[in-house]
């Protein structure tokens, strides 16, 4: 509870301090007055300095009132916590320039290295090899010239999707054959998926119509 404030104030044993130990409690109060608060003159601190005296509590109660502590009538823990907070404020006021100069280092943001599995992400669209390849494919497809090869690729994609194409011979020279075949396979797969959906719908309809509860020809409708 008190470790952080004691550490900030430079107490020699912040980790081992036990607020339930009367002697340690009184020693910390004296240390705060001697080193940080300094409300009394040195000669006026004798009441707090004699930590083994039976009159120490009276001196401490007076000390709390002299400091105008808002918890002068509170518990010992509340009183000590306020004393520590008060000492921290005084410490900061005495060294305001020093603490303002301290800069908190923000953790460096690490950008994750994302490796894409899409080969298109690694293409250099301005490389001579890419430009020449686009030129060859567009020439075979009848796509007109344009300074941006990506624009010509977009036009080629539209042509392949919407225009009918003749069956080109399966040779190495026919670079347009492969994308044509791919589109045909996709079309066939879509037809198969559609046929499967239709078959499932027919089965569902047949199941419903064969149920006596829903077909008046087979029996009574309902329960």
Protein backbone atom coordinates (compact mmCIF):
# COMPACT_ATOMS: atom_id res chain seq x y z
CA UNK A 1 0.00 0.00 0.00
CA UNK A 2 2.83 2.39 0.88
CA UNK A 3 5.70 0.86 -1.09
CA UNK A 4 5.29 2.99 -4.21
CA UNK A 5 5.22 6.29 -2.33
CA UNK A 6 8.10 5.32 -0.05
CA UNK A 7 10.13 4.32 -3.10
CA UNK A 8 9.36 7.61 -4.83
CA UNK A 9 10.51 9.49 -1.74
CA UNK A 10 13.75 7.52 -1.52
CA UNK A 11 13.05 5.65 1.71
CA UNK A 12 15.87 3.17 2.49
CA UNK A 13 13.57 0.18 3.13
CA UNK A 14 10.29 0.60 1.23
CA UNK A 15 9.78 -3.13 0.61
CA UNK A 16 10.22 -4.29 4.19
CA UNK A 17 8.15 -1.56 5.87
CA UNK A 18 5.38 -2.94 8.10
CA UNK A 19 2.76 -0.35 9.00
CA UNK A 20 1.40 -2.63 11.74
CA UNK A 21 4.72 -2.48 13.58
CA UNK A 22 4.44 0.50 15.96
CA UNK A 23 8.15 1.20 16.02
CA UNK A 24 8.47 1.11 12.23
CA UNK A 25 5.37 3.28 11.86
CA UNK A 26 6.79 5.94 14.17
CA UNK A 27 10.21 5.75 12.52
CA UNK A 28 8.67 6.46 9.11
CA UNK A 29 6.75 9.44 10.49
CA UNK A 30 9.97 10.85 11.94
CA UNK A 31 11.84 10.17 8.69
CA UNK A 32 9.17 12.03 6.69
CA UNK A 33 9.38 15.07 8.98
CA UNK A 34 13.19 15.08 9.07
CA UNK A 35 13.81 14.46 5.37
CA UNK A 36 10.78 15.65 3.41
CA UNK A 37 8.14 17.69 5.24
CA UNK A 38 10.27 19.75 7.69
CA UNK A 39 7.26 21.51 9.17
CA UNK A 40 8.89 21.84 12.62
CA UNK A 41 12.23 23.34 13.50
CA UNK A 42 14.80 20.70 14.42
CA UNK A 43 14.54 21.45 18.13
CA UNK A 44 10.74 21.14 17.99
CA UNK A 45 10.86 17.57 16.67
CA UNK A 46 11.84 15.97 19.98
CA UNK A 47 8.29 14.73 20.63
CA UNK A 48 8.35 12.77 17.36
CA UNK A 49 12.00 11.77 17.72
CA UNK A 50 11.46 9.85 20.97
CA UNK A 51 9.61 6.94 19.31
CA UNK A 52 9.74 4.79 22.48
CA UNK A 53 8.04 7.40 24.67
CA UNK A 54 4.49 7.00 25.96
CA UNK A 55 3.89 10.61 24.94
CA UNK A 56 4.73 9.97 21.28
CA UNK A 57 1.07 9.56 20.29
CA UNK A 58 0.19 12.94 21.79
CA UNK A 59 3.02 14.56 19.85
CA UNK A 60 1.84 12.82 16.67
CA UNK A 61 -1.77 13.95 17.13
CA UNK A 62 -0.56 17.54 17.56
CA UNK A 63 1.65 17.14 14.48
CA UNK A 64 -1.33 16.06 12.39
CA UNK A 65 -3.34 19.09 13.52
CA UNK A 66 -0.42 21.46 12.91
CA UNK A 67 -0.23 20.16 9.35
CA UNK A 68 -4.01 20.72 9.03
CA UNK A 69 -4.39 17.09 8.04
CA UNK A 70 -7.90 16.24 6.80
CA UNK A 71 -7.57 12.84 8.49
CA UNK A 72 -6.28 14.06 11.86
CA UNK A 73 -9.09 12.11 13.52
CA UNK A 74 -8.82 9.14 11.15
CA UNK A 75 -7.14 5.77 11.48
CA UNK A 76 -3.33 5.42 11.67
CA UNK A 77 -3.26 4.02 8.13
CA UNK A 78 -5.26 6.96 6.78
CA UNK A 79 -2.99 9.41 8.59
CA UNK A 80 0.20 7.81 7.29
CA UNK A 81 -1.15 7.59 3.75
CA UNK A 82 -1.97 11.30 3.82
CA UNK A 83 1.49 12.13 5.21
CA UNK A 84 3.13 10.20 2.37
CA UNK A 85 0.98 11.92 -0.26
CA UNK A 86 1.75 15.30 1.29
CA UNK A 87 5.47 14.53 1.27
CA UNK A 88 5.32 13.51 -2.40
CA UNK A 89 3.66 16.82 -3.29
CA UNK A 90 6.36 18.74 -1.42
CA UNK A 91 9.07 16.69 -3.10
CA UNK A 92 7.67 17.52 -6.52
CA UNK A 93 7.33 21.22 -5.66
CA UNK A 94 10.98 21.33 -4.57
CA UNK A 95 12.18 19.64 -7.76
CA UNK A 96 9.58 20.70 -10.30
CA UNK A 97 12.18 21.56 -12.98
CA UNK A 98 13.94 18.24 -12.51
CA UNK A 99 10.78 16.15 -12.85
CA UNK A 100 9.38 18.14 -15.77
CA UNK A 101 12.55 17.38 -17.72
CA UNK A 102 11.97 13.64 -17.39
CA UNK A 103 10.54 12.15 -20.57
CA UNK A 104 8.67 8.88 -20.64
CA UNK A 105 9.91 6.69 -23.44
CA UNK A 106 7.04 5.23 -25.40
CA UNK A 107 7.48 1.65 -26.54
CA UNK A 108 8.44 1.37 -30.17
CA UNK A 109 5.65 0.14 -32.38
CA UNK A 110 6.69 -2.97 -34.22
CA UNK A 111 5.09 -3.38 -37.62
CA UNK A 112 4.34 -7.05 -38.24
CA UNK A 113 6.02 -8.56 -41.26
CA UNK A 114 3.06 -10.04 -43.12
CA UNK A 115 4.03 -12.50 -45.83
CA UNK A 116 1.34 -12.72 -48.49
CA UNK A 117 0.56 -16.04 -50.16
CA UNK A 118 -0.87 -14.26 -53.21
CA UNK A 119 1.77 -14.25 -56.00
CA UNK A 120 0.19 -11.12 -57.49
CA UNK A 121 1.29 -9.14 -54.42
CA UNK A 122 4.92 -9.75 -55.38
CA UNK A 123 4.58 -8.59 -58.98
CA UNK A 124 6.46 -5.51 -60.11
CA UNK A 125 3.92 -3.85 -62.38
CA UNK A 126 6.52 -1.49 -63.82
CA UNK A 127 9.15 -4.11 -64.67
CA UNK A 128 10.02 -4.65 -68.37
CA UNK A 129 9.10 -8.35 -68.10
CA UNK A 130 5.59 -7.54 -66.86
CA UNK A 131 5.04 -4.79 -69.44
CA UNK A 132 6.19 -7.07 -72.28
CA UNK A 133 3.97 -9.90 -71.06
CA UNK A 134 0.94 -7.62 -70.95
CA UNK A 135 1.77 -6.36 -74.43
CA UNK A 136 1.84 -9.91 -75.85
CA UNK A 137 -1.41 -11.00 -74.22
CA UNK A 138 -3.28 -7.82 -75.16
CA UNK A 139 -2.04 -8.05 -78.75
CA UNK A 140 -3.51 -11.55 -79.05
CA UNK A 141 -6.79 -10.39 -77.49
CA UNK A 142 -7.15 -7.24 -79.55
CA UNK A 143 -6.79 -4.87 -76.57
CA UNK A 144 -5.67 -1.42 -77.66
CA UNK A 145 -2.57 0.39 -76.35
CA UNK A 146 -2.52 2.28 -73.06
CA UNK A 147 0.40 3.75 -71.05
CA UNK A 148 -0.67 1.95 -67.87
CA UNK A 149 -0.27 -1.87 -68.16
CA UNK A 150 -2.62 -2.41 -65.20
CA UNK A 151 -5.38 -0.65 -67.11
CA UNK A 152 -4.85 -3.01 -70.06
CA UNK A 153 -4.97 -6.04 -67.74
CA UNK A 154 -8.31 -4.82 -66.36
CA UNK A 155 -9.63 -4.46 -69.91
CA UNK A 156 -8.40 -7.96 -70.77
CA UNK A 157 -10.22 -9.40 -67.74
CA UNK A 158 -13.49 -7.87 -68.93
CA UNK A 159 -12.98 -9.27 -72.42
CA UNK A 160 -12.30 -12.77 -71.09
CA UNK A 161 -15.42 -12.69 -68.91
CA UNK A 162 -17.90 -11.27 -71.41
CA UNK A 163 -16.78 -12.13 -74.95
CA UNK A 164 -16.99 -15.53 -76.67
CA UNK A 165 -13.64 -16.92 -77.71
CA UNK A 166 -12.70 -19.44 -80.38
CA UNK A 167 -10.91 -22.62 -79.44
CA UNK A 168 -7.26 -21.70 -79.82
CA UNK A 169 -4.76 -24.50 -80.53
CA UNK A 170 -3.11 -25.86 -77.42
CA UNK A 171 0.42 -24.63 -78.11
CA UNK A 172 3.02 -22.75 -76.15
CA UNK A 173 2.45 -19.72 -78.38
CA UNK A 174 -1.22 -19.53 -77.35
CA UNK A 175 -0.81 -17.66 -74.05
CA UNK A 176 -4.53 -16.88 -73.96
CA UNK A 177 -5.57 -20.55 -73.89
CA UNK A 178 -4.92 -21.08 -70.18
CA UNK A 179 -7.10 -18.22 -68.82
CA UNK A 180 -9.84 -19.27 -71.26
CA UNK A 181 -9.78 -22.82 -69.90
CA UNK A 182 -9.87 -21.57 -66.34
CA UNK A 183 -12.97 -19.51 -67.01
CA UNK A 184 -14.64 -22.51 -68.66
CA UNK A 185 -13.91 -24.68 -65.62
CA UNK A 186 -15.32 -22.04 -63.30
CA UNK A 187 -18.48 -21.84 -65.43
CA UNK A 188 -18.89 -25.64 -65.34
CA UNK A 189 -18.40 -25.69 -61.57
CA UNK A 190 -21.04 -22.99 -61.14
CA UNK A 191 -23.46 -25.05 -63.24
CA UNK A 192 -22.80 -28.09 -61.08
CA UNK A 193 -23.42 -26.12 -57.90
CA UNK A 194 -26.67 -24.79 -59.35
CA UNK A 195 -27.80 -28.30 -60.35
CA UNK A 196 -27.01 -29.59 -56.85
CA UNK A 197 -29.11 -26.82 -55.29
CA UNK A 198 -32.01 -27.61 -57.64
CA UNK A 199 -31.85 -31.31 -56.77
CA UNK A 200 -31.87 -30.54 -53.05
CA UNK A 201 -34.90 -28.28 -53.49
CA UNK A 202 -36.76 -31.02 -55.42
CA UNK A 203 -36.06 -33.58 -52.70
CA UNK A 204 -37.32 -31.18 -50.04
CA UNK A 205 -40.54 -30.53 -51.98
CA UNK A 206 -41.13 -34.24 -52.53
CA UNK A 207 -40.67 -34.93 -48.83
CA UNK A 208 -43.27 -32.33 -47.92
CA UNK A 209 -45.84 -33.44 -50.50
CA UNK A 210 -45.49 -37.11 -49.49
CA UNK A 211 -46.45 -36.34 -45.89
CA UNK A 212 -50.15 -37.21 -45.21
CA UNK A 213 -50.44 -34.17 -43.00
CA UNK A 214 -49.74 -31.90 -45.99
CA UNK A 215 -51.29 -33.86 -48.87
CA UNK A 216 -55.09 -34.33 -48.96
CA UNK A 217 -54.75 -37.12 -51.53
CA UNK A 218 -52.77 -39.32 -49.12
CA UNK A 219 -54.79 -38.78 -46.00
CA UNK A 220 -56.18 -36.31 -43.57
CA UNK A 221 -54.51 -32.92 -43.38
CA UNK A 222 -53.19 -32.09 -39.92
CA UNK A 223 -52.90 -34.28 -36.82
